[in-house]
Amino acid sequence: MRLSEIGYKEIINLSNGSRHGQLSNAELLFDEKNGKIKAILVPDFQGRIGFLNNKDYLQLPWNSILKIGEDIIIFETT
């Protein structure tokens, strides 16, 4: 699967149902040694009226993604 195919999928936290925008609005963190995706930085909307401060991000480890579906990406935090 290519990044362009998943870029517009909504990112949802299964633990609490919070939405974190689309993958196209996120930043990817790579492991410099092997080039694999380590984590994604997604906007942290939880407890905020709006996403006004561009510095509020949630670091989402790549291995916390449970499913990449047709329209959404589901992850779970502990």
PDB file of N, CA and C in Angstrom:
ATOM      1  N   MET A   1       0.843  -1.164   0.000  1.00  0.00           N
ATOM      2  CA  MET A   1       0.000   0.000   0.000  1.00  0.00           C
ATOM      3  C   MET A   1       0.897   1.239   0.000  1.00  0.00           C
ATOM      4  N   ARG A   2       0.536   2.225  -0.768  1.00  0.00           N
ATOM      5  CA  ARG A   2       1.302   3.458  -0.866  1.00  0.00           C
ATOM      6  C   ARG A   2       0.754   4.516   0.090  1.00  0.00           C
ATOM      7  N   LEU A   3       1.630   5.415   0.507  1.00  0.00           N
ATOM      8  CA  LEU A   3       1.220   6.495   1.400  1.00  0.00           C
ATOM      9  C   LEU A   3       0.116   7.334   0.773  1.00  0.00           C
ATOM     10  N   SER A   4       0.167   7.547  -0.525  1.00  0.00           N
ATOM     11  CA  SER A   4      -0.868   8.338  -1.198  1.00  0.00           C
ATOM     12  C   SER A   4      -2.241   7.675  -1.097  1.00  0.00           C
ATOM     13  N   GLU A   5      -2.286   6.362  -0.906  1.00  0.00           N
ATOM     14  CA  GLU A   5      -3.559   5.645  -0.795  1.00  0.00           C
ATOM     15  C   GLU A   5      -4.162   5.748   0.604  1.00  0.00           C
ATOM     16  N   ILE A   6      -3.345   6.053   1.606  1.00  0.00           N
ATOM     17  CA  ILE A   6      -3.874   6.120   2.967  1.00  0.00           C
ATOM     18  C   ILE A   6      -3.869   7.538   3.536  1.00  0.00           C
ATOM     19  N   GLY A   7      -3.395   8.500   2.773  1.00  0.00           N
ATOM     20  CA  GLY A   7      -3.240   9.864   3.258  1.00  0.00           C
ATOM     21  C   GLY A   7      -4.509  10.539   3.729  1.00  0.00           C
ATOM     22  N   TYR A   8      -5.644  10.212   3.143  1.00  0.00           N
ATOM     23  CA  TYR A   8      -6.889  10.898   3.501  1.00  0.00           C
ATOM     24  C   TYR A   8      -7.779  10.069   4.413  1.00  0.00           C
ATOM     25  N   LYS A   9      -7.233   9.059   5.025  1.00  0.00           N
ATOM     26  CA  LYS A   9      -7.997   8.254   5.976  1.00  0.00           C
ATOM     27  C   LYS A   9      -8.002   8.935   7.341  1.00  0.00           C
ATOM     28  N   GLU A  10      -9.144   8.910   8.008  1.00  0.00           N
ATOM     29  CA  GLU A  10      -9.295   9.496   9.334  1.00  0.00           C
ATOM     30  C   GLU A  10      -8.609   8.612  10.371  1.00  0.00           C
ATOM     31  N   ILE A  11      -7.913   9.213  11.328  1.00  0.00           N
ATOM     32  CA  ILE A  11      -7.204   8.483  12.373  1.00  0.00           C
ATOM     33  C   ILE A  11      -8.058   8.505  13.643  1.00  0.00           C
ATOM     34  N   ILE A  12      -8.432   7.315  14.135  1.00  0.00           N
ATOM     35  CA  ILE A  12      -9.340   7.179  15.274  1.00  0.00           C
ATOM     36  C   ILE A  12      -8.683   6.343  16.371  1.00  0.00           C
ATOM     37  N   ASN A  13      -8.829   6.798  17.631  1.00  0.00           N
ATOM     38  CA  ASN A  13      -8.329   6.059  18.786  1.00  0.00           C
ATOM     39  C   ASN A  13      -9.436   5.130  19.281  1.00  0.00           C
ATOM     40  N   LEU A  14      -9.216   3.830  19.224  1.00  0.00           N
ATOM     41  CA  LEU A  14     -10.199   2.848  19.650  1.00  0.00           C
ATOM     42  C   LEU A  14     -10.471   2.927  21.156  1.00  0.00           C
ATOM     43  N   SER A  15      -9.477   3.345  21.940  1.00  0.00           N
ATOM     44  CA  SER A  15      -9.615   3.400  23.396  1.00  0.00           C
ATOM     45  C   SER A  15     -10.710   4.353  23.857  1.00  0.00           C
ATOM     46  N   ASN A  16     -10.789   5.532  23.208  1.00  0.00           N
ATOM     47  CA  ASN A  16     -11.758   6.530  23.659  1.00  0.00           C
ATOM     48  C   ASN A  16     -12.579   7.162  22.540  1.00  0.00           C
ATOM     49  N   GLY A  17     -12.383   6.719  21.316  1.00  0.00           N
ATOM     50  CA  GLY A  17     -13.156   7.230  20.179  1.00  0.00           C
ATOM     51  C   GLY A  17     -12.713   8.585  19.670  1.00  0.00           C
ATOM     52  N   SER A  18     -11.608   9.115  20.188  1.00  0.00           N
ATOM     53  CA  SER A  18     -11.171  10.443  19.751  1.00  0.00           C
ATOM     54  C   SER A  18     -10.656  10.395  18.321  1.00  0.00           C
ATOM     55  N   ARG A  19     -10.873  11.499  17.624  1.00  0.00           N
ATOM     56  CA  ARG A  19     -10.439  11.629  16.239  1.00  0.00           C
ATOM     57  C   ARG A  19      -9.206  12.517  16.199  1.00  0.00           C
ATOM     58  N   HIS A  20      -8.279  12.167  15.314  1.00  0.00           N
ATOM     59  CA  HIS A  20      -7.014  12.896  15.236  1.00  0.00           C
ATOM     60  C   HIS A  20      -6.715  13.381  13.826  1.00  0.00           C
ATOM     61  N   GLY A  21      -7.737  13.688  13.071  1.00  0.00           N
ATOM     62  CA  GLY A  21      -7.542  14.213  11.721  1.00  0.00           C
ATOM     63  C   GLY A  21      -7.175  13.130  10.730  1.00  0.00           C
ATOM     64  N   GLN A  22      -6.636  13.558   9.616  1.00  0.00           N
ATOM     65  CA  GLN A  22      -6.253  12.642   8.553  1.00  0.00           C
ATOM     66  C   GLN A  22      -4.745  12.429   8.565  1.00  0.00           C
ATOM     67  N   LEU A  23      -4.335  11.300   8.042  1.00  0.00           N
ATOM     68  CA  LEU A  23      -2.908  10.991   7.997  1.00  0.00           C
ATOM     69  C   LEU A  23      -2.139  12.052   7.214  1.00  0.00           C
ATOM     70  N   SER A  24      -2.774  12.670   6.235  1.00  0.00           N
ATOM     71  CA  SER A  24      -2.090  13.706   5.454  1.00  0.00           C
ATOM     72  C   SER A  24      -1.719  14.923   6.305  1.00  0.00           C
ATOM     73  N   ASN A  25      -2.361  15.084   7.479  1.00  0.00           N
ATOM     74  CA  ASN A  25      -2.051  16.193   8.388  1.00  0.00           C
ATOM     75  C   ASN A  25      -1.029  15.798   9.445  1.00  0.00           C
ATOM     76  N   ALA A  26      -0.574  14.573   9.423  1.00  0.00           N
ATOM     77  CA  ALA A  26       0.350  14.054  10.432  1.00  0.00           C
ATOM     78  C   ALA A  26       1.784  14.111   9.922  1.00  0.00           C
ATOM     79  N   GLU A  27       2.708  13.911  10.846  1.00  0.00           N
ATOM     80  CA  GLU A  27       4.128  13.817  10.524  1.00  0.00           C
ATOM     81  C   GLU A  27       4.581  12.389  10.804  1.00  0.00           C
ATOM     82  N   LEU A  28       5.470  11.871   9.988  1.00  0.00           N
ATOM     83  CA  LEU A  28       6.000  10.528  10.186  1.00  0.00           C
ATOM     84  C   LEU A  28       7.398  10.609  10.784  1.00  0.00           C
ATOM     85  N   LEU A  29       7.668   9.762  11.776  1.00  0.00           N
ATOM     86  CA  LEU A  29       8.998   9.651  12.360  1.00  0.00           C
ATOM     87  C   LEU A  29       9.627   8.348  11.887  1.00  0.00           C
ATOM     88  N   PHE A  30      10.817   8.439  11.319  1.00  0.00           N
ATOM     89  CA  PHE A  30      11.490   7.264  10.774  1.00  0.00           C
ATOM     90  C   PHE A  30      12.674   6.871  11.639  1.00  0.00           C
ATOM     91  N   ASP A  31      12.967   5.583  11.665  1.00  0.00           N
ATOM     92  CA  ASP A  31      14.180   5.074  12.279  1.00  0.00           C
ATOM     93  C   ASP A  31      15.298   5.322  11.267  1.00  0.00           C
ATOM     94  N   GLU A  32      16.266   6.113  11.640  1.00  0.00           N
ATOM     95  CA  GLU A  32      17.336   6.488  10.708  1.00  0.00           C
ATOM     96  C   GLU A  32      18.207   5.310  10.298  1.00  0.00           C
ATOM     97  N   LYS A  33      18.275   4.282  11.127  1.00  0.00           N
ATOM     98  CA  LYS A  33      19.136   3.134  10.826  1.00  0.00           C
ATOM     99  C   LYS A  33      18.551   2.231   9.755  1.00  0.00           C
ATOM    100  N   ASN A  34      17.230   1.976   9.812  1.00  0.00           N
ATOM    101  CA  ASN A  34      16.651   1.028   8.858  1.00  0.00           C
ATOM    102  C   ASN A  34      15.583   1.633   7.945  1.00  0.00           C
ATOM    103  N   GLY A  35      15.226   2.904   8.156  1.00  0.00           N
ATOM    104  CA  GLY A  35      14.274   3.579   7.279  1.00  0.00           C
ATOM    105  C   GLY A  35      12.816   3.225   7.519  1.00  0.00           C
ATOM    106  N   LYS A  36      12.530   2.445   8.555  1.00  0.00           N
ATOM    107  CA  LYS A  36      11.147   2.055   8.842  1.00  0.00           C
ATOM    108  C   LYS A  36      10.440   3.151   9.628  1.00  0.00           C
ATOM    109  N   ILE A  37       9.110   3.205   9.474  1.00  0.00           N
ATOM    110  CA  ILE A  37       8.313   4.177  10.226  1.00  0.00           C
ATOM    111  C   ILE A  37       8.300   3.765  11.684  1.00  0.00           C
ATOM    112  N   LYS A  38       8.677   4.677  12.569  1.00  0.00           N
ATOM    113  CA  LYS A  38       8.714   4.442  13.999  1.00  0.00           C
ATOM    114  C   LYS A  38       7.411   4.896  14.666  1.00  0.00           C
ATOM    115  N   ALA A  39       6.927   6.056  14.265  1.00  0.00           N
ATOM    116  CA  ALA A  39       5.731   6.626  14.885  1.00  0.00           C
ATOM    117  C   ALA A  39       5.138   7.687  13.960  1.00  0.00           C
ATOM    118  N   ILE A  40       3.924   8.081  14.289  1.00  0.00           N
ATOM    119  CA  ILE A  40       3.294   9.205  13.595  1.00  0.00           C
ATOM    120  C   ILE A  40       2.964  10.254  14.646  1.00  0.00           C
ATOM    121  N   LEU A  41       3.148  11.503  14.292  1.00  0.00           N
ATOM    122  CA  LEU A  41       2.731  12.610  15.149  1.00  0.00           C
ATOM    123  C   LEU A  41       1.395  13.100  14.615  1.00  0.00           C
ATOM    124  N   VAL A  42       0.347  12.929  15.419  1.00  0.00           N
ATOM    125  CA  VAL A  42      -1.000  13.330  15.001  1.00  0.00           C
ATOM    126  C   VAL A  42      -1.468  14.478  15.888  1.00  0.00           C
ATOM    127  N   PRO A  43      -2.318  15.364  15.361  1.00  0.00           N
ATOM    128  CA  PRO A  43      -2.853  16.438  16.190  1.00  0.00           C
ATOM    129  C   PRO A  43      -3.590  15.866  17.399  1.00  0.00           C
ATOM    130  N   ASP A  44      -3.349  16.450  18.568  1.00  0.00           N
ATOM    131  CA  ASP A  44      -4.002  16.013  19.805  1.00  0.00           C
ATOM    132  C   ASP A  44      -5.161  16.961  20.098  1.00  0.00           C
ATOM    133  N   PHE A  45      -6.359  16.568  19.668  1.00  0.00           N
ATOM    134  CA  PHE A  45      -7.546  17.397  19.838  1.00  0.00           C
ATOM    135  C   PHE A  45      -8.193  17.194  21.198  1.00  0.00           C
ATOM    136  N   GLN A  46      -7.827  16.175  21.913  1.00  0.00           N
ATOM    137  CA  GLN A  46      -8.488  15.804  23.151  1.00  0.00           C
ATOM    138  C   GLN A  46      -8.451  16.941  24.174  1.00  0.00           C
ATOM    139  N   GLY A  47      -9.629  17.312  24.659  1.00  0.00           N
ATOM    140  CA  GLY A  47      -9.739  18.330  25.683  1.00  0.00           C
ATOM    141  C   GLY A  47      -9.536  19.753  25.192  1.00  0.00           C
ATOM    142  N   ARG A  48      -9.583  19.977  23.892  1.00  0.00           N
ATOM    143  CA  ARG A  48      -9.395  21.312  23.347  1.00  0.00           C
ATOM    144  C   ARG A  48     -10.601  21.713  22.513  1.00  0.00           C
ATOM    145  N   ILE A  49     -10.897  23.001  22.519  1.00  0.00           N
ATOM    146  CA  ILE A  49     -12.013  23.511  21.716  1.00  0.00           C
ATOM    147  C   ILE A  49     -11.648  23.455  20.238  1.00  0.00           C
ATOM    148  N   GLY A  50     -10.441  23.782  19.924  1.00  0.00           N
ATOM    149  CA  GLY A  50      -9.994  23.749  18.536  1.00  0.00           C
ATOM    150  C   GLY A  50      -8.501  23.488  18.483  1.00  0.00           C
ATOM    151  N   PHE A  51      -8.043  23.134  17.343  1.00  0.00           N
ATOM    152  CA  PHE A  51      -6.616  22.866  17.173  1.00  0.00           C
ATOM    153  C   PHE A  51      -5.942  24.171  16.776  1.00  0.00           C
ATOM    154  N   LEU A  52      -5.719  25.027  17.778  1.00  0.00           N
ATOM    155  CA  LEU A  52      -5.175  26.345  17.527  1.00  0.00           C
ATOM    156  C   LEU A  52      -3.664  26.392  17.708  1.00  0.00           C
ATOM    157  N   ASN A  53      -3.160  25.523  18.538  1.00  0.00           N
ATOM    158  CA  ASN A  53      -1.732  25.512  18.820  1.00  0.00           C
ATOM    159  C   ASN A  53      -1.089  24.371  18.046  1.00  0.00           C
ATOM    160  N   ASN A  54      -0.256  24.687  17.070  1.00  0.00           N
ATOM    161  CA  ASN A  54       0.340  23.667  16.213  1.00  0.00           C
ATOM    162  C   ASN A  54       1.357  22.789  16.936  1.00  0.00           C
ATOM    163  N   LYS A  55       1.597  23.022  18.225  1.00  0.00           N
ATOM    164  CA  LYS A  55       2.589  22.245  18.957  1.00  0.00           C
ATOM    165  C   LYS A  55       1.978  21.117  19.762  1.00  0.00           C
ATOM    166  N   ASP A  56       0.671  20.930  19.703  1.00  0.00           N
ATOM    167  CA  ASP A  56       0.001  19.881  20.465  1.00  0.00           C
ATOM    168  C   ASP A  56      -0.144  18.629  19.612  1.00  0.00           C
ATOM    169  N   TYR A  57       0.794  17.695  19.799  1.00  0.00           N
ATOM    170  CA  TYR A  57       0.789  16.463  19.031  1.00  0.00           C
ATOM    171  C   TYR A  57       0.811  15.263  19.961  1.00  0.00           C
ATOM    172  N   LEU A  58       0.260  14.192  19.480  1.00  0.00           N
ATOM    173  CA  LEU A  58       0.302  12.912  20.167  1.00  0.00           C
ATOM    174  C   LEU A  58       1.231  12.024  19.353  1.00  0.00           C
ATOM    175  N   GLN A  59       2.258  11.457  20.005  1.00  0.00           N
ATOM    176  CA  GLN A  59       3.157  10.547  19.297  1.00  0.00           C
ATOM    177  C   GLN A  59       2.548   9.161  19.337  1.00  0.00           C
ATOM    178  N   LEU A  60       2.222   8.657  18.187  1.00  0.00           N
ATOM    179  CA  LEU A  60       1.534   7.389  18.031  1.00  0.00           C
ATOM    180  C   LEU A  60       2.510   6.354  17.487  1.00  0.00           C
ATOM    181  N   PRO A  61       2.967   5.403  18.322  1.00  0.00           N
ATOM    182  CA  PRO A  61       3.885   4.369  17.827  1.00  0.00           C
ATOM    183  C   PRO A  61       3.238   3.581  16.677  1.00  0.00           C
ATOM    184  N   TRP A  62       4.009   3.301  15.669  1.00  0.00           N
ATOM    185  CA  TRP A  62       3.487   2.606  14.487  1.00  0.00           C
ATOM    186  C   TRP A  62       2.865   1.268  14.867  1.00  0.00           C
ATOM    187  N   ASN A  63       3.412   0.595  15.877  1.00  0.00           N
ATOM    188  CA  ASN A  63       2.883  -0.722  16.255  1.00  0.00           C
ATOM    189  C   ASN A  63       1.573  -0.638  17.036  1.00  0.00           C
ATOM    190  N   SER A  64       1.083   0.575  17.347  1.00  0.00           N
ATOM    191  CA  SER A  64      -0.221   0.703  18.016  1.00  0.00           C
ATOM    192  C   SER A  64      -1.371   0.778  17.015  1.00  0.00           C
ATOM    193  N   ILE A  65      -1.057   0.787  15.722  1.00  0.00           N
ATOM    194  CA  ILE A  65      -2.102   0.776  14.701  1.00  0.00           C
ATOM    195  C   ILE A  65      -2.661  -0.636  14.606  1.00  0.00           C
ATOM    196  N   LEU A  66      -3.978  -0.738  14.798  1.00  0.00           N
ATOM    197  CA  LEU A  66      -4.628  -2.041  14.773  1.00  0.00           C
ATOM    198  C   LEU A  66      -5.138  -2.408  13.387  1.00  0.00           C
ATOM    199  N   LYS A  67      -5.641  -1.410  12.659  1.00  0.00           N
ATOM    200  CA  LYS A  67      -6.269  -1.692  11.372  1.00  0.00           C
ATOM    201  C   LYS A  67      -6.205  -0.464  10.482  1.00  0.00           C
ATOM    202  N   ILE A  68      -5.855  -0.673   9.232  1.00  0.00           N
ATOM    203  CA  ILE A  68      -5.978   0.364   8.218  1.00  0.00           C
ATOM    204  C   ILE A  68      -7.111  -0.085   7.323  1.00  0.00           C
ATOM    205  N   GLY A  69      -8.263   0.554   7.520  1.00  0.00           N
ATOM    206  CA  GLY A  69      -9.468   0.173   6.791  1.00  0.00           C
ATOM    207  C   GLY A  69      -9.654   0.994   5.529  1.00  0.00           C
ATOM    208  N   GLU A  70     -10.829   0.868   4.942  1.00  0.00           N
ATOM    209  CA  GLU A  70     -11.136   1.561   3.700  1.00  0.00           C
ATOM    210  C   GLU A  70     -11.182   3.074   3.888  1.00  0.00           C
ATOM    211  N   ASP A  71     -11.727   3.528   5.037  1.00  0.00           N
ATOM    212  CA  ASP A  71     -11.886   4.956   5.278  1.00  0.00           C
ATOM    213  C   ASP A  71     -11.151   5.479   6.503  1.00  0.00           C
ATOM    214  N   ILE A  72     -10.756   4.594   7.416  1.00  0.00           N
ATOM    215  CA  ILE A  72     -10.147   5.045   8.662  1.00  0.00           C
ATOM    216  C   ILE A  72      -8.922   4.208   9.031  1.00  0.00           C
ATOM    217  N   ILE A  73      -8.126   4.779   9.916  1.00  0.00           N
ATOM    218  CA  ILE A  73      -6.990   4.098  10.522  1.00  0.00           C
ATOM    219  C   ILE A  73      -7.314   4.020  12.013  1.00  0.00           C
ATOM    220  N   ILE A  74      -7.334   2.818  12.561  1.00  0.00           N
ATOM    221  CA  ILE A  74      -7.690   2.618  13.962  1.00  0.00           C
ATOM    222  C   ILE A  74      -6.435   2.265  14.750  1.00  0.00           C
ATOM    223  N   PHE A  75      -6.222   3.004  15.848  1.00  0.00           N
ATOM    224  CA  PHE A  75      -5.118   2.687  16.750  1.00  0.00           C
ATOM    225  C   PHE A  75      -5.662   2.615  18.159  1.00  0.00           C
ATOM    226  N   GLU A  76      -4.864   2.044  19.050  1.00  0.00           N
ATOM    227  CA  GLU A  76      -5.276   1.940  20.447  1.00  0.00           C
ATOM    228  C   GLU A  76      -4.120   2.321  21.350  1.00  0.00           C
ATOM    229  N   THR A  77      -4.386   3.224  22.276  1.00  0.00           N
ATOM    230  CA  THR A  77      -3.395   3.600  23.275  1.00  0.00           C
ATOM    231  C   THR A  77      -3.749   2.925  24.587  1.00  0.00           C
ATOM    232  N   THR A  78      -2.756   2.735  25.414  1.00  0.00           N
ATOM    233  CA  THR A  78      -3.010   2.094  26.703  1.00  0.00           C
ATOM    234  C   THR A  78      -2.977   3.094  27.818  1.00  0.00           C
TER     235      THR A  78
END
